[in-house]
């Protein structure tokens, strides 16, 4: 993957995450969740069988920072293809679907590693859908 393509993918991914966070902030019931979520998250976007574009997300006191790099100090590391993360964030794929099914490269759709301190941090993994998945829109009848 060429550098320009990597830059475009990062900009797109960053825009998606930022827009989800902005959308979550519009709903008063999500404000406390968004502001109290503290995590250092590495996200590996699997582009080919052996190439990952690494992004790290740092959430602290309601401030979300998204950088392009793999951080050495993290609470959780997840790996997935961009397509699978898109379907996960729009609510089409559940966390169970992501953990149990395989992607086009033959790996689980969502894989995760222990933190840099060796902790599993499954609570963070279970809280991710509340942060990264868009809320369902209620259509008026």
Protein backbone atom coordinates (compact mmCIF):
# COMPACT_ATOMS: atom_id res chain seq x y z
CA UNK A 1 0.00 0.00 0.00
CA UNK A 2 1.43 3.33 -1.02
CA UNK A 3 1.94 6.23 1.38
CA UNK A 4 -0.81 8.35 -0.17
CA UNK A 5 -3.29 5.49 0.23
CA UNK A 6 -2.22 5.02 3.86
CA UNK A 7 -2.67 8.74 4.51
CA UNK A 8 -6.15 8.69 2.94
CA UNK A 9 -7.17 5.64 4.98
CA UNK A 10 -5.95 7.24 8.21
CA UNK A 11 -7.76 10.51 7.48
CA UNK A 12 -10.97 8.61 6.68
CA UNK A 13 -10.72 6.42 9.77
CA UNK A 14 -9.95 9.40 12.00
CA UNK A 15 -12.93 11.26 10.54
CA UNK A 16 -15.24 8.32 11.21
CA UNK A 17 -14.13 7.99 14.85
CA UNK A 18 -14.41 11.75 15.44
CA UNK A 19 -17.88 11.89 13.88
CA UNK A 20 -19.09 8.97 16.00
CA UNK A 21 -17.83 10.71 19.16
CA UNK A 22 -19.51 13.99 18.08
CA UNK A 23 -22.76 12.11 17.38
CA UNK A 24 -22.59 10.41 20.79
CA UNK A 25 -22.12 13.79 22.50
CA UNK A 26 -25.46 14.99 21.04
CA UNK A 27 -27.33 12.45 23.16
CA UNK A 28 -27.39 13.54 26.84
CA UNK A 29 -27.43 9.94 28.07
CA UNK A 30 -23.99 9.35 26.48
CA UNK A 31 -22.21 12.41 27.92
CA UNK A 32 -21.11 10.71 31.14
CA UNK A 33 -19.93 7.60 29.26
CA UNK A 34 -17.95 9.65 26.72
CA UNK A 35 -16.39 11.90 29.36
CA UNK A 36 -15.47 9.12 31.82
CA UNK A 37 -14.03 6.63 29.31
CA UNK A 38 -10.26 6.43 29.79
CA UNK A 39 -8.28 4.23 27.47
CA UNK A 40 -5.12 3.95 25.44
CA UNK A 41 -6.17 1.85 22.47
CA UNK A 42 -4.12 0.54 19.56
CA UNK A 43 -6.15 -0.30 16.47
CA UNK A 44 -4.53 -2.33 13.71
CA UNK A 45 -6.40 -1.92 10.43
CA UNK A 46 -5.63 -5.07 8.45
CA UNK A 47 -5.15 -4.01 4.83
CA UNK A 48 -3.52 -7.14 3.43
CA UNK A 49 -2.69 -10.53 4.88
CA UNK A 50 0.49 -9.18 6.45
CA UNK A 51 0.12 -5.36 6.52
CA UNK A 52 -1.58 -3.36 9.28
CA UNK A 53 -2.08 0.39 9.42
CA UNK A 54 -1.75 1.22 13.12
CA UNK A 55 -3.75 3.94 14.82
CA UNK A 56 -3.78 4.76 18.52
CA UNK A 57 -6.68 6.38 20.29
CA UNK A 58 -6.25 8.02 23.66
CA UNK A 59 -9.37 8.95 25.59
CA UNK A 60 -8.95 10.91 28.80
CA UNK A 61 -11.57 13.09 30.53
CA UNK A 62 -13.65 13.50 27.38
CA UNK A 63 -10.70 14.42 25.16
CA UNK A 64 -10.10 11.97 22.32
CA UNK A 65 -6.77 12.03 20.51
CA UNK A 66 -6.24 9.93 17.40
CA UNK A 67 -2.70 9.41 16.12
CA UNK A 68 -1.20 7.38 13.36
CA UNK A 69 1.25 5.00 14.98
CA UNK A 70 1.36 2.00 17.24
CA UNK A 71 1.89 3.04 20.83
CA UNK A 72 4.12 1.03 23.16
CA UNK A 73 1.96 1.95 26.17
CA UNK A 74 -1.62 0.74 25.67
CA UNK A 75 -4.57 -0.69 27.60
CA UNK A 76 -5.96 -2.75 24.74
CA UNK A 77 -4.92 -3.62 21.21
CA UNK A 78 -7.47 -4.66 18.61
CA UNK A 79 -7.00 -5.76 15.02
CA UNK A 80 -9.64 -5.86 12.29
CA UNK A 81 -10.15 -4.99 8.66
CA UNK A 82 -11.51 -1.49 7.97
CA UNK A 83 -14.65 -2.98 6.40
CA UNK A 84 -15.41 -5.06 9.46
CA UNK A 85 -14.89 -2.07 11.77
CA UNK A 86 -17.24 -0.05 9.57
CA UNK A 87 -19.99 -2.66 9.88
CA UNK A 88 -19.29 -2.91 13.61
CA UNK A 89 -19.51 0.87 14.13
CA UNK A 90 -22.78 1.21 12.20
CA UNK A 91 -24.32 -1.58 14.28
CA UNK A 92 -24.63 -4.21 11.55
CA UNK A 93 -22.08 -6.52 13.23
CA UNK A 94 -22.32 -7.29 16.94
CA UNK A 95 -19.31 -7.82 19.20
CA UNK A 96 -20.09 -11.56 19.21
CA UNK A 97 -20.18 -11.64 15.42
CA UNK A 98 -16.84 -9.83 15.33
CA UNK A 99 -15.20 -12.21 17.79
CA UNK A 100 -16.60 -15.47 16.38
CA UNK A 101 -16.58 -15.02 12.57
CA UNK A 102 -13.59 -14.88 10.24
CA UNK A 103 -12.62 -12.06 7.90
CA UNK A 104 -11.51 -12.25 4.27
CA UNK A 105 -7.92 -12.95 5.36
CA UNK A 106 -8.91 -16.01 7.42
CA UNK A 107 -8.47 -14.38 10.84
CA UNK A 108 -11.18 -13.57 13.38
CA UNK A 109 -12.94 -10.33 12.42
CA UNK A 110 -11.91 -8.78 15.74
CA UNK A 111 -8.74 -9.90 17.47
CA UNK A 112 -7.40 -8.38 20.64
CA UNK A 113 -4.22 -8.54 22.70
CA UNK A 114 -3.40 -7.94 26.33
CA UNK A 115 -2.24 -4.52 27.42
CA UNK A 116 1.41 -3.52 27.51
CA UNK A 117 1.27 -4.38 31.24
CA UNK A 118 -0.07 -7.89 30.54
CA UNK A 119 -3.65 -7.25 31.69
CA UNK A 120 -6.54 -8.53 29.57
CA UNK A 121 -8.81 -5.50 30.11
CA UNK A 122 -11.93 -7.30 28.88
CA UNK A 123 -14.03 -4.54 30.46
CA UNK A 124 -12.62 -2.07 27.95
CA UNK A 125 -13.35 -4.50 25.12
CA UNK A 126 -16.95 -4.83 26.28
CA UNK A 127 -17.31 -1.04 26.62
CA UNK A 128 -16.01 -0.34 23.10
CA UNK A 129 -19.39 -0.96 21.39
CA UNK A 130 -20.98 1.67 23.64
CA UNK A 131 -18.40 4.17 22.41
CA UNK A 132 -17.77 3.16 18.79
CA UNK A 133 -21.21 1.97 17.65
CA UNK A 134 -23.64 4.59 16.38
CA UNK A 135 -26.92 4.90 18.22
CA UNK A 136 -29.97 3.60 16.43
CA UNK A 137 -32.10 6.34 14.96
CA UNK A 138 -35.72 6.39 16.00
CA UNK A 139 -37.97 7.10 13.08
CA UNK A 140 -41.18 8.99 13.83
CA UNK A 141 -44.39 7.18 13.00
